[in-house]
Amino acid sequence: MIQNLSFKADNQGMGSLNRVGSTPSGRIIYRIVNQSGEDAGFMSVAEKDCDTFERSYSVIMENAPKVQKYAEAHSSPEEIESRRKKSRWLIGIPALVGGLIPAIAIKGKGGWKRTLLQVGATLGGTIAGMFAGFGLVNLTQVPKEMREFSKATRNLSKLDIQPVE
């Protein structure tokens, strides 16, 4: 089974996907044709996964040039360091706030039970804040095309895709 399919955009454009038939076991056979019209390969997909395969392939083909263009435009060391700093702040501030709110809210005398509650709530708030920060990073620092490309790649990696000889 192929676990991951890699696609690379080139200057000539992207290839196409054609459904060409089925195997005796009921799998659907696809032919991938590169931009110059030559066969790039054949693969089979379980019939139940055909819609997911075709949709994911289409999303990858649509977004690959945009992702490549974005990567080329934002790959300078200064840009990378700037984005890294922004990401740290976007994760750190919500984690700090998430930890401080329960730490301040649960106060007073009460012995070890209150202390245990305060520690647990503070730890939970910090973790929740970190996850909120990761969500903020994903929304603000990652382009929409890259999120779609990543989701489509994950969908393809879950499918039973086999090479056809």
C-alpha atoms as a PDB file:
ATOM      1  CA  MET A   1       0.000   0.000   0.000  1.00  0.00           C
ATOM      2  CA  ILE A   2       1.262   3.474  -0.825  1.00  0.00           C
ATOM      3  CA  GLN A   3       1.272   5.540   2.356  1.00  0.00           C
ATOM      4  CA  ASN A   4       1.974   8.917   0.846  1.00  0.00           C
ATOM      5  CA  LEU A   5       1.794  10.435  -2.610  1.00  0.00           C
ATOM      6  CA  SER A   6       4.093  13.321  -3.378  1.00  0.00           C
ATOM      7  CA  PHE A   7       3.209  15.829  -6.061  1.00  0.00           C
ATOM      8  CA  LYS A   8       5.513  18.511  -7.357  1.00  0.00           C
ATOM      9  CA  ALA A   9       4.532  21.462  -9.460  1.00  0.00           C
ATOM     10  CA  ASP A  10       6.751  22.267 -12.389  1.00  0.00           C
ATOM     11  CA  ASN A  11       6.837  25.086 -14.884  1.00  0.00           C
ATOM     12  CA  GLN A  12       4.734  23.146 -17.381  1.00  0.00           C
ATOM     13  CA  GLY A  13       1.777  22.641 -15.035  1.00  0.00           C
ATOM     14  CA  MET A  14       0.205  19.603 -13.462  1.00  0.00           C
ATOM     15  CA  GLY A  15      -1.030  16.287 -14.783  1.00  0.00           C
ATOM     16  CA  SER A  16      -4.518  14.848 -14.861  1.00  0.00           C
ATOM     17  CA  LEU A  17      -6.274  11.859 -13.356  1.00  0.00           C
ATOM     18  CA  ASN A  18      -8.331   9.504 -15.538  1.00  0.00           C
ATOM     19  CA  ARG A  19     -10.516   6.593 -14.456  1.00  0.00           C
ATOM     20  CA  VAL A  20      -9.735   3.762 -16.890  1.00  0.00           C
ATOM     21  CA  GLY A  21     -11.474   0.669 -15.541  1.00  0.00           C
ATOM     22  CA  SER A  22     -11.637  -1.754 -12.673  1.00  0.00           C
ATOM     23  CA  THR A  23      -9.904  -4.882 -11.459  1.00  0.00           C
ATOM     24  CA  PRO A  24     -11.649  -8.246 -11.051  1.00  0.00           C
ATOM     25  CA  SER A  25     -11.605  -7.637  -7.288  1.00  0.00           C
ATOM     26  CA  GLY A  26     -13.676  -4.451  -7.730  1.00  0.00           C
ATOM     27  CA  ARG A  27     -10.921  -1.850  -7.335  1.00  0.00           C
ATOM     28  CA  ILE A  28     -11.021   1.187  -9.636  1.00  0.00           C
ATOM     29  CA  ILE A  29      -7.946   1.782 -11.819  1.00  0.00           C
ATOM     30  CA  TYR A  30      -6.710   5.329 -12.426  1.00  0.00           C
ATOM     31  CA  ARG A  31      -4.168   6.553 -14.949  1.00  0.00           C
ATOM     32  CA  ILE A  32      -2.145   9.629 -14.094  1.00  0.00           C
ATOM     33  CA  VAL A  33      -1.043  11.593 -17.137  1.00  0.00           C
ATOM     34  CA  ASN A  34       1.618  14.293 -16.907  1.00  0.00           C
ATOM     35  CA  GLN A  35       1.257  17.670 -18.629  1.00  0.00           C
ATOM     36  CA  SER A  36       3.027  16.487 -21.794  1.00  0.00           C
ATOM     37  CA  GLY A  37       0.486  13.667 -22.226  1.00  0.00           C
ATOM     38  CA  GLU A  38       2.704  10.781 -21.121  1.00  0.00           C
ATOM     39  CA  ASP A  39       1.621   8.174 -18.605  1.00  0.00           C
ATOM     40  CA  ALA A  40       2.978   8.976 -15.140  1.00  0.00           C
ATOM     41  CA  GLY A  41       1.580   5.787 -13.600  1.00  0.00           C
ATOM     42  CA  PHE A  42      -1.396   3.607 -12.842  1.00  0.00           C
ATOM     43  CA  MET A  43      -2.932   2.924  -9.471  1.00  0.00           C
ATOM     44  CA  SER A  44      -5.978   1.238  -8.040  1.00  0.00           C
ATOM     45  CA  VAL A  45      -8.252   2.442  -5.278  1.00  0.00           C
ATOM     46  CA  ALA A  46     -11.004   0.625  -3.412  1.00  0.00           C
ATOM     47  CA  GLU A  47     -14.376   1.532  -4.902  1.00  0.00           C
ATOM     48  CA  LYS A  48     -15.645   2.973  -1.607  1.00  0.00           C
ATOM     49  CA  ASP A  49     -12.696   5.403  -1.523  1.00  0.00           C
ATOM     50  CA  CYS A  50     -12.991   6.728  -5.098  1.00  0.00           C
ATOM     51  CA  ASP A  51     -14.781   9.965  -4.219  1.00  0.00           C
ATOM     52  CA  THR A  52     -12.289  10.809  -1.480  1.00  0.00           C
ATOM     53  CA  PHE A  53      -9.368   9.956  -3.771  1.00  0.00           C
ATOM     54  CA  GLU A  54     -10.629  12.093  -6.660  1.00  0.00           C
ATOM     55  CA  ARG A  55     -11.521  15.050  -4.423  1.00  0.00           C
ATOM     56  CA  SER A  56      -8.184  14.931  -2.589  1.00  0.00           C
ATOM     57  CA  TYR A  57      -6.211  14.600  -5.821  1.00  0.00           C
ATOM     58  CA  SER A  58      -8.088  17.563  -7.273  1.00  0.00           C
ATOM     59  CA  VAL A  59      -7.405  19.712  -4.186  1.00  0.00           C
ATOM     60  CA  ILE A  60      -3.714  18.809  -4.296  1.00  0.00           C
ATOM     61  CA  MET A  61      -3.429  19.615  -7.993  1.00  0.00           C
ATOM     62  CA  GLU A  62      -5.251  22.922  -7.514  1.00  0.00           C
ATOM     63  CA  ASN A  63      -3.247  24.052  -4.487  1.00  0.00           C
ATOM     64  CA  ALA A  64       0.243  22.668  -5.232  1.00  0.00           C
ATOM     65  CA  PRO A  65       1.327  25.630  -7.419  1.00  0.00           C
ATOM     66  CA  LYS A  66      -0.004  28.108  -4.834  1.00  0.00           C
ATOM     67  CA  VAL A  67       1.794  26.329  -1.988  1.00  0.00           C
ATOM     68  CA  GLN A  68       5.016  26.227  -3.987  1.00  0.00           C
ATOM     69  CA  LYS A  69       4.729  29.929  -4.846  1.00  0.00           C
ATOM     70  CA  TYR A  70       4.071  30.790  -1.183  1.00  0.00           C
ATOM     71  CA  ALA A  71       7.042  28.697  -0.046  1.00  0.00           C
ATOM     72  CA  GLU A  72       9.345  30.390  -2.542  1.00  0.00           C
ATOM     73  CA  ALA A  73       8.162  33.871  -1.531  1.00  0.00           C
ATOM     74  CA  HIS A  74       8.457  33.272   2.217  1.00  0.00           C
ATOM     75  CA  SER A  75      11.597  31.171   2.514  1.00  0.00           C
ATOM     76  CA  SER A  76      14.143  33.847   3.412  1.00  0.00           C
ATOM     77  CA  PRO A  77      15.846  33.319   6.806  1.00  0.00           C
ATOM     78  CA  GLU A  78      14.490  36.645   8.088  1.00  0.00           C
ATOM     79  CA  GLU A  79      10.925  35.736   7.119  1.00  0.00           C
ATOM     80  CA  ILE A  80      11.229  32.300   8.720  1.00  0.00           C
ATOM     81  CA  GLU A  81      12.578  33.751  11.968  1.00  0.00           C
ATOM     82  CA  SER A  82       9.855  36.409  12.035  1.00  0.00           C
ATOM     83  CA  ARG A  83       7.118  33.794  11.591  1.00  0.00           C
ATOM     84  CA  ARG A  84       8.735  31.598  14.250  1.00  0.00           C
ATOM     85  CA  LYS A  85       8.678  34.482  16.769  1.00  0.00           C
ATOM     86  CA  LYS A  86       5.048  35.305  15.975  1.00  0.00           C
ATOM     87  CA  SER A  87       4.125  31.657  16.441  1.00  0.00           C
ATOM     88  CA  ARG A  88       5.838  31.499  19.831  1.00  0.00           C
ATOM     89  CA  TRP A  89       3.934  34.572  21.004  1.00  0.00           C
ATOM     90  CA  LEU A  90       0.652  33.264  19.607  1.00  0.00           C
ATOM     91  CA  ILE A  91       1.090  30.047  21.599  1.00  0.00           C
ATOM     92  CA  GLY A  92       2.672  31.515  24.730  1.00  0.00           C
ATOM     93  CA  ILE A  93       0.180  34.288  25.497  1.00  0.00           C
ATOM     94  CA  PRO A  94      -2.950  32.087  25.436  1.00  0.00           C
ATOM     95  CA  ALA A  95      -1.110  29.442  27.485  1.00  0.00           C
ATOM     96  CA  LEU A  96      -0.154  32.065  30.076  1.00  0.00           C
ATOM     97  CA  VAL A  97      -3.667  33.498  30.230  1.00  0.00           C
ATOM     98  CA  GLY A  98      -5.164  30.001  30.355  1.00  0.00           C
ATOM     99  CA  GLY A  99      -2.975  29.156  33.336  1.00  0.00           C
ATOM    100  CA  LEU A 100      -3.394  32.458  35.177  1.00  0.00           C
ATOM    101  CA  ILE A 101      -7.185  32.586  35.135  1.00  0.00           C
ATOM    102  CA  PRO A 102      -7.725  29.433  37.241  1.00  0.00           C
ATOM    103  CA  ALA A 103      -4.674  30.172  39.406  1.00  0.00           C
ATOM    104  CA  ILE A 104      -6.140  33.553  40.372  1.00  0.00           C
ATOM    105  CA  ALA A 105      -9.786  32.493  40.471  1.00  0.00           C
ATOM    106  CA  ILE A 106      -9.291  29.584  42.881  1.00  0.00           C
ATOM    107  CA  LYS A 107      -7.911  31.180  46.011  1.00  0.00           C
ATOM    108  CA  GLY A 108      -8.438  31.148  49.704  1.00  0.00           C
ATOM    109  CA  LYS A 109      -7.801  28.754  52.528  1.00  0.00           C
ATOM    110  CA  GLY A 110      -8.884  25.193  52.204  1.00  0.00           C
ATOM    111  CA  GLY A 111      -5.937  22.915  52.682  1.00  0.00           C
ATOM    112  CA  TRP A 112      -4.539  20.381  50.324  1.00  0.00           C
ATOM    113  CA  LYS A 113      -7.800  19.804  48.431  1.00  0.00           C
ATOM    114  CA  ARG A 114      -8.002  23.423  47.300  1.00  0.00           C
ATOM    115  CA  THR A 115      -4.282  23.396  46.439  1.00  0.00           C
ATOM    116  CA  LEU A 116      -4.715  20.229  44.398  1.00  0.00           C
ATOM    117  CA  LEU A 117      -7.728  21.761  42.636  1.00  0.00           C
ATOM    118  CA  GLN A 118      -5.788  24.955  41.933  1.00  0.00           C
ATOM    119  CA  VAL A 119      -2.797  23.041  40.511  1.00  0.00           C
ATOM    120  CA  GLY A 120      -5.028  20.833  38.354  1.00  0.00           C
ATOM    121  CA  ALA A 121      -7.109  23.724  37.071  1.00  0.00           C
ATOM    122  CA  THR A 122      -3.991  25.792  36.347  1.00  0.00           C
ATOM    123  CA  LEU A 123      -2.395  22.910  34.454  1.00  0.00           C
ATOM    124  CA  GLY A 124      -5.614  22.282  32.523  1.00  0.00           C
ATOM    125  CA  GLY A 125      -5.980  25.973  31.699  1.00  0.00           C
ATOM    126  CA  THR A 126      -2.386  26.140  30.496  1.00  0.00           C
ATOM    127  CA  ILE A 127      -2.864  23.137  28.228  1.00  0.00           C
ATOM    128  CA  ALA A 128      -6.161  24.520  26.909  1.00  0.00           C
ATOM    129  CA  GLY A 129      -4.439  27.862  26.260  1.00  0.00           C
ATOM    130  CA  MET A 130      -1.664  26.125  24.344  1.00  0.00           C
ATOM    131  CA  PHE A 131      -4.183  24.362  22.120  1.00  0.00           C
ATOM    132  CA  ALA A 132      -5.956  27.664  21.545  1.00  0.00           C
ATOM    133  CA  GLY A 133      -2.572  29.153  20.597  1.00  0.00           C
ATOM    134  CA  PHE A 134      -1.912  26.341  18.132  1.00  0.00           C
ATOM    135  CA  GLY A 135      -5.301  27.086  16.586  1.00  0.00           C
ATOM    136  CA  LEU A 136      -4.403  30.779  16.321  1.00  0.00           C
ATOM    137  CA  VAL A 137      -1.109  29.916  14.637  1.00  0.00           C
ATOM    138  CA  ASN A 138      -2.930  27.666  12.193  1.00  0.00           C
ATOM    139  CA  LEU A 139      -5.462  30.382  11.361  1.00  0.00           C
ATOM    140  CA  THR A 140      -3.082  33.336  11.130  1.00  0.00           C
ATOM    141  CA  GLN A 141       0.301  31.948  10.073  1.00  0.00           C
ATOM    142  CA  VAL A 142      -0.675  29.156   7.642  1.00  0.00           C
ATOM    143  CA  PRO A 143      -2.290  30.071   4.306  1.00  0.00           C
ATOM    144  CA  LYS A 144      -5.666  28.526   3.434  1.00  0.00           C
ATOM    145  CA  GLU A 145      -4.199  26.677   0.450  1.00  0.00           C
ATOM    146  CA  MET A 146      -1.585  25.010   2.646  1.00  0.00           C
ATOM    147  CA  ARG A 147      -4.242  23.832   5.123  1.00  0.00           C
ATOM    148  CA  GLU A 148      -6.319  22.387   2.274  1.00  0.00           C
ATOM    149  CA  PHE A 149      -3.233  20.740   0.729  1.00  0.00           C
ATOM    150  CA  SER A 150      -2.291  19.199   4.067  1.00  0.00           C
ATOM    151  CA  LYS A 151      -5.810  17.902   4.706  1.00  0.00           C
ATOM    152  CA  ALA A 152      -5.997  16.338   1.225  1.00  0.00           C
ATOM    153  CA  THR A 153      -2.605  14.687   1.719  1.00  0.00           C
ATOM    154  CA  ARG A 154      -3.753  13.246   5.058  1.00  0.00           C
ATOM    155  CA  ASN A 155      -6.919  11.938   3.397  1.00  0.00           C
ATOM    156  CA  LEU A 156      -4.875  10.223   0.674  1.00  0.00           C
ATOM    157  CA  SER A 157      -2.519   8.649   3.203  1.00  0.00           C
ATOM    158  CA  LYS A 158      -5.496   6.933   4.897  1.00  0.00           C
ATOM    159  CA  LEU A 159      -6.699   5.256   1.683  1.00  0.00           C
ATOM    160  CA  ASP A 160      -5.745   1.850   0.345  1.00  0.00           C
ATOM    161  CA  ILE A 161      -3.959   2.923  -2.830  1.00  0.00           C
ATOM    162  CA  GLN A 162      -2.007   0.261  -4.697  1.00  0.00           C
ATOM    163  CA  PRO A 163       0.213   0.501  -7.778  1.00  0.00           C
ATOM    164  CA  VAL A 164      -0.992  -1.305 -10.900  1.00  0.00           C
ATOM    165  CA  GLU A 165       1.531  -3.044 -13.090  1.00  0.00           C
END
